């Protein structure tokens, strides 16, 4: 038995040495995470993947059997995200084996996760030691790659911002740079503006927020690459702007919406792994590069109105804004507030009584002034609704008989909601 233990120890040291040699060679030759994953998987005879800190796969060597084992263990969400938050110190068991996630970090920064899966038994201490070495090499490669990516992203961001703000008028200049970045802008596109929703009562440092934004931007780039070729996706510091293609033969009532929903679902995943809730605004279809600036303005408008009306986690399309779209076109907020005061009078105040009357007024409008239905919706006695209607008409005018007045009041209520959310 001792001789067997000694033989096993020698074999383990040989594997670690072989892995160290292979990883060193990969690093010296300018390799990438895919090369490291393949080498670790080959030497240790395990499945390996590198993911973002929230579990989105960046590179890997996982065969179908390994992915199936992860899925059976509920370690793979429907969008393909590896649930790394479940692979902590407990080292979850896959059928007849084990899955583990190790931090890939450098200089105190959390860079990625190294996921290792063995389907024929538990990981040994020697395996974990070898994986820690692989994580250290991966940290070096990621740090180098992120430095290059940061420069590229800034250059791309400056270019796309200039294009969307009408600062780049020369078509030849635009075409040359788009080709350099590998973007295909010469096709129908929708502009998607996405922002991480502000946290409520959740303190966070500027460094944490920057990390959230970087992870969010990387997720959009990664998912966009799976949706088609030549898709531009750029971080504008506080928002991510992506230009998603629309098939020229798309005859749906709202072309491009399906692709947007696929992107949003893939990026959101199951909200695990520290993913932040976010909202998106989507433009109408831009048929040419010249239409992109207006499309970007539409996407921004949809994002802002959608957040006000629907709250966090909203996906708002400009062509579905309805009345809010017209309201959002008015830049002077003081004029909007003046309109609300003129139409609603005392109901525009921030008192409890005014709020209750606004609620009843909205219900009456929604039920076409059917008093019995309005009473049922508000759980009021019929006479209570009659009393409130009479009070509303004393304050605002003959709502029951004047359709033009009802229209003005309905619009004023919408404007009030937008201005006070």
Protein backbone atom coordinates (compact mmCIF):
# COMPACT_ATOMS: atom_id res chain seq x y z
CA UNK A 1 0.00 0.00 0.00
CA UNK A 2 2.73 2.53 0.81
CA UNK A 3 4.32 1.83 -2.57
CA UNK A 4 0.95 2.50 -4.22
CA UNK A 5 0.64 5.81 -2.35
CA UNK A 6 4.14 6.75 -3.41
CA UNK A 7 3.37 5.88 -7.00
CA UNK A 8 0.23 7.99 -6.90
CA UNK A 9 2.15 10.92 -5.43
CA UNK A 10 4.78 10.66 -8.16
CA UNK A 11 2.07 10.54 -10.82
CA UNK A 12 0.34 13.58 -9.32
CA UNK A 13 3.60 15.55 -9.24
CA UNK A 14 4.25 14.57 -12.84
CA UNK A 15 0.80 15.85 -13.85
CA UNK A 16 1.31 19.14 -12.03
CA UNK A 17 4.75 19.56 -13.59
CA UNK A 18 3.37 18.78 -17.05
CA UNK A 19 0.54 21.27 -16.52
CA UNK A 20 2.93 23.95 -15.28
CA UNK A 21 5.13 23.45 -18.35
CA UNK A 22 2.13 23.60 -20.67
CA UNK A 23 0.67 26.70 -19.08
CA UNK A 24 4.03 28.48 -19.13
CA UNK A 25 4.34 27.74 -22.83
CA UNK A 26 0.83 29.04 -23.50
CA UNK A 27 1.55 32.26 -21.60
CA UNK A 28 4.89 32.83 -23.39
CA UNK A 29 3.31 32.25 -26.80
CA UNK A 30 0.54 34.76 -26.15
CA UNK A 31 -2.19 32.14 -25.75
CA UNK A 32 -5.70 32.73 -24.48
CA UNK A 33 -8.15 31.30 -21.96
CA UNK A 34 -9.33 28.65 -24.41
CA UNK A 35 -5.79 27.30 -24.59
CA UNK A 36 -5.48 27.20 -20.80
CA UNK A 37 -8.85 25.46 -20.44
CA UNK A 38 -7.92 22.85 -23.03
CA UNK A 39 -4.53 22.18 -21.42
CA UNK A 40 -5.97 21.88 -17.90
CA UNK A 41 -8.72 19.60 -19.16
CA UNK A 42 -6.24 17.39 -21.03
CA UNK A 43 -3.73 17.00 -18.21
CA UNK A 44 -6.19 16.60 -15.33
CA UNK A 45 -8.81 14.77 -17.40
CA UNK A 46 -11.59 17.10 -16.26
CA UNK A 47 -14.04 19.56 -17.79
CA UNK A 48 -12.89 23.17 -17.51
CA UNK A 49 -14.46 26.55 -18.19
CA UNK A 50 -13.54 30.15 -17.51
CA UNK A 51 -16.51 32.39 -16.76
CA UNK A 52 -17.18 35.96 -15.78
CA UNK A 53 -17.68 36.50 -12.06
CA UNK A 54 -21.42 36.05 -12.59
CA UNK A 55 -21.01 32.77 -14.45
CA UNK A 56 -21.17 33.69 -18.13
CA UNK A 57 -18.83 31.38 -20.02
CA UNK A 58 -15.86 33.07 -21.64
CA UNK A 59 -13.87 30.01 -22.72
CA UNK A 60 -14.02 26.34 -21.96
CA UNK A 61 -13.41 22.69 -22.65
CA UNK A 62 -16.69 21.10 -21.59
CA UNK A 63 -18.06 18.18 -23.58
CA UNK A 64 -21.77 17.40 -23.86
CA UNK A 65 -21.62 14.75 -21.12
CA UNK A 66 -20.13 17.28 -18.70
CA UNK A 67 -22.70 19.93 -19.58
CA UNK A 68 -25.44 17.35 -19.10
CA UNK A 69 -24.06 16.51 -15.64
CA UNK A 70 -24.06 20.21 -14.73
CA UNK A 71 -27.62 20.59 -15.97
CA UNK A 72 -28.82 17.58 -13.97
CA UNK A 73 -27.24 19.12 -10.88
CA UNK A 74 -29.03 22.42 -11.52
CA UNK A 75 -25.71 24.18 -12.06
CA UNK A 76 -26.61 25.44 -15.54
CA UNK A 77 -29.41 27.94 -16.03
CA UNK A 78 -31.69 27.90 -19.13
CA UNK A 79 -29.63 30.65 -20.80
CA UNK A 80 -26.41 28.66 -20.44
CA UNK A 81 -25.03 30.56 -17.45
CA UNK A 82 -22.96 28.45 -15.07
CA UNK A 83 -24.29 28.93 -11.56
CA UNK A 84 -20.87 29.58 -10.04
CA UNK A 85 -22.44 31.02 -6.89
CA UNK A 86 -23.51 27.46 -6.07
CA UNK A 87 -19.99 26.11 -6.50
CA UNK A 88 -18.44 27.65 -3.41
CA UNK A 89 -16.83 26.01 -0.43
CA UNK A 90 -19.44 23.25 -0.37
CA UNK A 91 -18.13 21.89 -3.68
CA UNK A 92 -21.46 20.65 -5.10
CA UNK A 93 -21.66 17.11 -6.33
CA UNK A 94 -22.57 16.26 -9.91
CA UNK A 95 -23.68 12.70 -10.67
CA UNK A 96 -20.78 10.49 -9.52
CA UNK A 97 -18.42 13.46 -9.41
CA UNK A 98 -17.78 17.04 -8.32
CA UNK A 99 -17.90 20.60 -9.62
CA UNK A 100 -15.91 23.47 -8.16
CA UNK A 101 -15.38 27.15 -8.97
CA UNK A 102 -12.13 28.94 -8.08
CA UNK A 103 -11.63 32.71 -8.05
CA UNK A 104 -9.35 34.18 -10.66
CA UNK A 105 -8.01 37.36 -9.10
CA UNK A 106 -5.09 39.78 -9.40
CA UNK A 107 -4.17 42.87 -7.41
CA UNK A 108 -7.25 42.50 -5.25
CA UNK A 109 -9.56 42.57 -8.28
CA UNK A 110 -11.99 39.73 -8.89
CA UNK A 111 -11.49 38.91 -12.58
CA UNK A 112 -13.21 35.62 -13.38
CA UNK A 113 -14.05 32.11 -12.24
CA UNK A 114 -12.31 28.87 -13.12
CA UNK A 115 -14.89 26.06 -13.13
CA UNK A 116 -13.66 22.47 -12.95
CA UNK A 117 -15.93 19.44 -13.31
CA UNK A 118 -14.99 15.83 -12.73
CA UNK A 119 -17.74 13.34 -13.54
CA UNK A 120 -16.04 10.16 -12.31
CA UNK A 121 -15.13 11.09 -8.74
CA UNK A 122 -14.14 13.94 -6.41
CA UNK A 123 -11.33 16.40 -7.06
CA UNK A 124 -8.17 15.68 -5.11
CA UNK A 125 -6.01 18.15 -3.23
CA UNK A 126 -3.43 17.83 -6.01
CA UNK A 127 -6.11 18.70 -8.58
CA UNK A 128 -7.05 21.81 -6.62
CA UNK A 129 -3.39 22.81 -6.31
CA UNK A 130 -2.97 22.46 -10.07
CA UNK A 131 -6.13 24.47 -10.68
CA UNK A 132 -4.85 27.28 -8.46
CA UNK A 133 -1.74 27.47 -10.64
CA UNK A 134 -3.94 27.59 -13.73
CA UNK A 135 -6.00 30.39 -12.16
CA UNK A 136 -2.83 32.41 -11.52
CA UNK A 137 -1.75 32.09 -15.17
CA UNK A 138 -5.28 32.95 -16.31
CA UNK A 139 -5.20 36.09 -14.15
CA UNK A 140 -2.07 37.26 -16.00
CA UNK A 141 -3.68 36.67 -19.40
CA UNK A 142 -6.96 38.35 -18.40
CA UNK A 143 -5.14 41.38 -16.99
CA UNK A 144 -3.19 41.75 -20.22
CA UNK A 145 -6.30 41.21 -22.33
CA UNK A 146 -8.38 43.70 -20.34
CA UNK A 147 -5.73 46.38 -20.74
CA UNK A 148 -5.91 45.99 -24.52
CA UNK A 149 -9.71 45.72 -24.49
CA UNK A 150 -10.04 48.91 -22.43
CA UNK A 151 -8.14 50.89 -25.08
CA UNK A 152 -10.15 49.33 -27.91
CA UNK A 153 -13.45 49.95 -26.13
CA UNK A 154 -12.62 53.60 -25.52
CA UNK A 155 -11.70 54.10 -29.18
CA UNK A 156 -14.88 52.33 -30.32
CA UNK A 157 -16.96 54.23 -27.79
CA UNK A 158 -15.65 57.61 -28.90
CA UNK A 159 -16.33 56.75 -32.53
CA UNK A 160 -19.87 55.46 -31.99
CA UNK A 161 -20.75 58.36 -29.67
CA UNK A 162 -19.61 60.84 -32.33
CA UNK A 163 -21.66 58.97 -34.94
CA UNK A 164 -24.82 58.90 -32.82
CA UNK A 165 -24.48 62.56 -31.86
CA UNK A 166 -24.00 63.61 -35.51
CA UNK A 167 -20.35 64.54 -35.10
CA UNK A 168 -19.18 62.19 -37.89
CA UNK A 169 -20.60 63.36 -41.19
CA UNK A 170 -18.10 61.87 -43.66
CA UNK A 171 -19.53 58.54 -44.96
CA UNK A 172 -16.07 57.34 -46.00
CA UNK A 173 -14.70 57.96 -42.51
CA UNK A 174 -17.61 56.10 -40.93
CA UNK A 175 -17.33 53.16 -43.34
CA UNK A 176 -13.56 52.87 -42.81
CA UNK A 177 -13.79 52.79 -39.02
CA UNK A 178 -16.79 50.47 -38.96
CA UNK A 179 -14.86 48.01 -41.12
CA UNK A 180 -11.84 48.29 -38.83
CA UNK A 181 -13.99 47.35 -35.83
CA UNK A 182 -15.68 44.53 -37.72
CA UNK A 183 -19.09 46.24 -37.56
CA UNK A 184 -21.72 45.95 -40.28
CA UNK A 185 -23.67 49.22 -40.24
CA UNK A 186 -24.90 49.00 -43.83
CA UNK A 187 -28.18 47.21 -43.00
CA UNK A 188 -31.43 47.87 -41.10
CA UNK A 189 -30.66 48.23 -37.38
CA UNK A 190 -32.38 48.99 -34.11
CA UNK A 191 -30.50 50.93 -31.46
CA UNK A 192 -30.70 49.44 -27.97
CA UNK A 193 -29.74 51.63 -25.00
CA UNK A 194 -29.31 49.67 -21.75
CA UNK A 195 -28.62 50.92 -18.23
CA UNK A 196 -28.18 49.20 -14.89
CA UNK A 197 -31.11 50.18 -12.70
CA UNK A 198 -30.18 52.39 -9.73
CA UNK A 199 -30.21 50.44 -6.48
CA UNK A 200 -32.54 51.62 -3.75
CA UNK A 201 -31.01 51.95 -0.30
CA UNK A 202 -28.02 49.97 -1.50
CA UNK A 203 -24.71 51.70 -0.76
CA UNK A 204 -21.91 50.91 -3.19
CA UNK A 205 -18.50 52.41 -3.81
CA UNK A 206 -17.54 53.92 -7.14
CA UNK A 207 -15.21 50.95 -7.71
CA UNK A 208 -18.08 48.49 -7.23
CA UNK A 209 -20.29 50.44 -9.61
CA UNK A 210 -17.52 50.51 -12.19
CA UNK A 211 -17.12 46.74 -11.87
CA UNK A 212 -20.87 46.30 -12.31
CA UNK A 213 -20.75 48.42 -15.48
CA UNK A 214 -17.76 46.56 -16.91
CA UNK A 215 -19.44 43.21 -16.29
CA UNK A 216 -22.67 44.52 -17.81
CA UNK A 217 -20.88 45.81 -20.91
CA UNK A 218 -18.96 42.56 -21.33
CA UNK A 219 -22.24 40.63 -21.13
CA UNK A 220 -23.77 42.68 -23.95
CA UNK A 221 -20.70 42.18 -26.14
CA UNK A 222 -20.61 38.46 -25.46
CA UNK A 223 -24.32 37.88 -26.06
CA UNK A 224 -24.31 40.12 -29.15
CA UNK A 225 -21.57 37.97 -30.66
CA UNK A 226 -23.89 34.94 -30.41
CA UNK A 227 -26.77 36.74 -32.14
CA UNK A 228 -24.98 37.52 -35.37
CA UNK A 229 -21.85 38.87 -37.00
CA UNK A 230 -20.75 42.48 -37.16
CA UNK A 231 -22.88 43.69 -34.23
CA UNK A 232 -21.63 46.87 -32.55
CA UNK A 233 -21.91 46.96 -28.75
CA UNK A 234 -20.15 49.73 -26.86
CA UNK A 235 -19.90 50.96 -23.28
CA UNK A 236 -20.76 54.64 -22.88
CA UNK A 237 -19.63 54.67 -19.24
CA UNK A 238 -23.14 54.78 -17.76
CA UNK A 239 -25.00 52.94 -20.52
CA UNK A 240 -24.36 50.25 -23.11
CA UNK A 241 -25.43 50.92 -26.68
CA UNK A 242 -25.91 48.01 -29.07
CA UNK A 243 -26.94 48.05 -32.73
CA UNK A 244 -28.94 44.89 -33.43
CA UNK A 245 -29.69 43.88 -37.03
CA UNK A 246 -33.17 43.52 -38.47
CA UNK A 247 -33.72 41.12 -41.37
CA UNK A 248 -34.92 43.00 -44.49
CA UNK A 249 -37.62 40.31 -44.87
CA UNK A 250 -38.89 40.76 -41.31
CA UNK A 251 -42.60 41.43 -41.81
CA UNK A 252 -43.61 41.32 -38.15
CA UNK A 253 -45.61 44.29 -36.80
CA UNK A 254 -42.60 45.22 -34.70
CA UNK A 255 -39.44 44.13 -36.57
CA UNK A 256 -36.42 43.41 -34.43
CA UNK A 257 -38.34 42.94 -31.19
CA UNK A 258 -37.75 39.18 -31.07
CA UNK A 259 -33.97 39.60 -31.29
CA UNK A 260 -34.03 42.25 -28.58
CA UNK A 261 -36.01 39.98 -26.26
CA UNK A 262 -33.56 37.14 -26.88
CA UNK A 263 -30.66 39.41 -25.97
CA UNK A 264 -32.34 40.71 -22.81
CA UNK A 265 -33.25 37.20 -21.62
CA UNK A 266 -29.73 35.91 -22.24
CA UNK A 267 -28.10 38.80 -20.40
CA UNK A 268 -30.50 38.72 -17.46
CA UNK A 269 -30.28 34.94 -17.04
CA UNK A 270 -31.80 33.85 -13.74
CA UNK A 271 -30.53 37.01 -11.99
CA UNK A 272 -28.00 34.89 -10.07
CA UNK A 273 -24.29 35.38 -9.55
CA UNK A 274 -24.61 39.04 -8.62
CA UNK A 275 -26.20 40.15 -11.87
CA UNK A 276 -27.75 43.59 -11.64
CA UNK A 277 -31.29 44.39 -12.83
CA UNK A 278 -31.31 46.63 -15.89
CA UNK A 279 -33.65 48.44 -18.26
CA UNK A 280 -33.50 48.91 -22.02
CA UNK A 281 -34.93 51.30 -24.55
CA UNK A 282 -35.26 50.31 -28.21
CA UNK A 283 -35.56 52.56 -31.25
CA UNK A 284 -37.49 52.19 -34.44
CA UNK A 285 -35.65 50.55 -37.33
CA UNK A 286 -32.89 52.72 -38.83
CA UNK A 287 -32.59 51.94 -42.53
CA UNK A 288 -29.27 53.74 -43.03
CA UNK A 289 -26.32 55.15 -41.12
CA UNK A 290 -27.80 58.63 -41.52
CA UNK A 291 -30.84 57.55 -39.47
CA UNK A 292 -28.82 56.18 -36.54
CA UNK A 293 -28.59 59.48 -34.57
CA UNK A 294 -32.39 59.83 -34.53
CA UNK A 295 -32.70 56.14 -33.63
CA UNK A 296 -30.35 56.64 -30.69
CA UNK A 297 -32.47 59.57 -29.48
CA UNK A 298 -35.54 57.33 -29.73
CA UNK A 299 -33.85 54.57 -27.73
CA UNK A 300 -32.84 57.03 -25.01
CA UNK A 301 -36.35 58.43 -24.88
CA UNK A 302 -37.85 54.95 -24.63
CA UNK A 303 -35.41 54.03 -21.86
CA UNK A 304 -36.20 57.12 -19.79
CA UNK A 305 -39.98 56.92 -20.23
CA UNK A 306 -40.01 53.16 -19.67
CA UNK A 307 -38.18 53.51 -16.39
CA UNK A 308 -40.57 56.21 -15.21
CA UNK A 309 -43.71 54.32 -16.21
CA UNK A 310 -42.76 50.68 -15.62
CA UNK A 311 -39.97 50.96 -13.06
CA UNK A 312 -36.91 48.72 -12.92
CA UNK A 313 -36.25 45.84 -15.30
CA UNK A 314 -38.29 47.37 -18.12
CA UNK A 315 -37.81 46.80 -21.85
CA UNK A 316 -39.48 49.66 -23.69
CA UNK A 317 -39.86 50.04 -27.45
CA UNK A 318 -40.19 53.52 -28.90
CA UNK A 319 -42.91 52.48 -31.34
CA UNK A 320 -45.05 51.23 -28.44
CA UNK A 321 -44.85 54.30 -26.21
CA UNK A 322 -48.20 55.62 -27.37
CA UNK A 323 -49.15 58.90 -25.70
CA UNK A 324 -45.99 58.86 -23.60
CA UNK A 325 -43.99 59.16 -26.81
CA UNK A 326 -45.60 62.51 -27.60
CA UNK A 327 -45.22 63.74 -24.03
CA UNK A 328 -41.54 62.81 -24.05
CA UNK A 329 -41.00 64.97 -27.14
CA UNK A 330 -41.67 68.11 -25.07
CA UNK A 331 -38.31 69.14 -23.58
CA UNK A 332 -39.61 71.93 -21.34
CA UNK A 333 -40.60 70.26 -18.06
CA UNK A 334 -41.92 73.53 -16.68
CA UNK A 335 -44.45 73.73 -19.52
CA UNK A 336 -45.60 70.18 -18.76
CA UNK A 337 -46.07 70.96 -15.07
CA UNK A 338 -47.96 74.14 -15.96
CA UNK A 339 -50.27 72.10 -18.20
CA UNK A 340 -50.97 69.70 -15.31
CA UNK A 341 -51.78 72.58 -12.93
CA UNK A 342 -54.04 74.27 -15.48
CA UNK A 343 -56.04 71.10 -16.21
CA UNK A 344 -56.10 69.32 -12.85
CA UNK A 345 -56.14 72.36 -10.58
CA UNK A 346 -56.28 71.21 -6.91
CA UNK A 347 -55.75 67.59 -8.04
CA UNK A 348 -52.18 68.46 -9.06
CA UNK A 349 -51.21 69.00 -5.43
CA UNK A 350 -49.25 66.40 -3.46
CA UNK A 351 -51.83 65.99 -0.69
CA UNK A 352 -53.42 62.68 0.32
CA UNK A 353 -56.89 63.89 -0.70
CA UNK A 354 -55.64 64.94 -4.15
CA UNK A 355 -53.99 61.53 -4.63
CA UNK A 356 -57.23 59.73 -3.74
CA UNK A 357 -59.24 61.87 -6.15
CA UNK A 358 -56.69 61.30 -8.94
CA UNK A 359 -56.98 57.55 -8.38
CA UNK A 360 -60.78 57.68 -8.57
CA UNK A 361 -60.61 59.91 -11.64
CA UNK A 362 -58.32 57.43 -13.42
CA UNK A 363 -60.66 54.55 -12.59
CA UNK A 364 -63.64 56.52 -13.94
CA UNK A 365 -61.75 57.21 -17.16
CA UNK A 366 -60.73 53.55 -17.45
CA UNK A 367 -64.34 52.41 -17.01
CA UNK A 368 -65.78 55.06 -19.33
CA UNK A 369 -67.58 56.63 -16.36
CA UNK A 370 -69.52 53.47 -15.58
CA UNK A 371 -70.21 54.25 -11.92
CA UNK A 372 -71.18 50.69 -10.96
CA UNK A 373 -67.99 49.26 -12.48
CA UNK A 374 -65.83 52.02 -10.96
CA UNK A 375 -67.34 51.32 -7.53
CA UNK A 376 -66.55 47.61 -7.93
CA UNK A 377 -62.93 48.30 -8.97
CA UNK A 378 -62.32 50.62 -6.00
CA UNK A 379 -64.34 48.54 -3.52
CA UNK A 380 -66.57 51.57 -2.84
CA UNK A 381 -70.28 51.87 -2.27
CA UNK A 382 -72.10 53.17 -5.35
CA UNK A 383 -73.09 56.37 -3.52
CA UNK A 384 -69.46 57.02 -2.62
CA UNK A 385 -68.48 57.00 -6.28
CA UNK A 386 -71.39 59.30 -7.11
CA UNK A 387 -70.26 61.72 -4.41
CA UNK A 388 -66.67 61.66 -5.67
CA UNK A 389 -67.76 62.23 -9.26
CA UNK A 390 -69.82 65.24 -8.23
CA UNK A 391 -66.81 66.61 -6.34
CA UNK A 392 -64.53 66.05 -9.33
CA UNK A 393 -66.96 67.88 -11.61
CA UNK A 394 -67.13 70.82 -9.19
CA UNK A 395 -63.31 71.03 -9.33
CA UNK A 396 -62.66 70.25 -13.01
CA UNK A 397 -65.89 70.76 -14.96
CA UNK A 398 -68.53 68.57 -16.64
CA UNK A 399 -66.44 65.42 -17.08
CA UNK A 400 -69.48 63.22 -17.76
CA UNK A 401 -70.68 65.29 -20.72
CA UNK A 402 -67.56 66.90 -22.25
CA UNK A 403 -65.33 64.45 -24.21
CA UNK A 404 -62.72 67.15 -24.89
CA UNK A 405 -62.37 67.85 -21.18
CA UNK A 406 -62.01 64.11 -20.48
CA UNK A 407 -59.24 63.93 -23.06
CA UNK A 408 -57.37 66.85 -21.49
CA UNK A 409 -57.74 65.34 -18.03
CA UNK A 410 -56.54 61.91 -19.21
CA UNK A 411 -53.43 63.45 -20.79
CA UNK A 412 -52.76 65.58 -17.71
CA UNK A 413 -52.88 62.48 -15.49
CA UNK A 414 -50.29 60.78 -17.73
CA UNK A 415 -48.06 63.84 -17.62
CA UNK A 416 -48.41 63.99 -13.84
CA UNK A 417 -47.36 60.33 -13.54
CA UNK A 418 -44.29 60.93 -15.72
CA UNK A 419 -43.28 64.08 -13.88
CA UNK A 420 -43.61 62.54 -10.42
CA UNK A 421 -41.98 59.10 -10.86
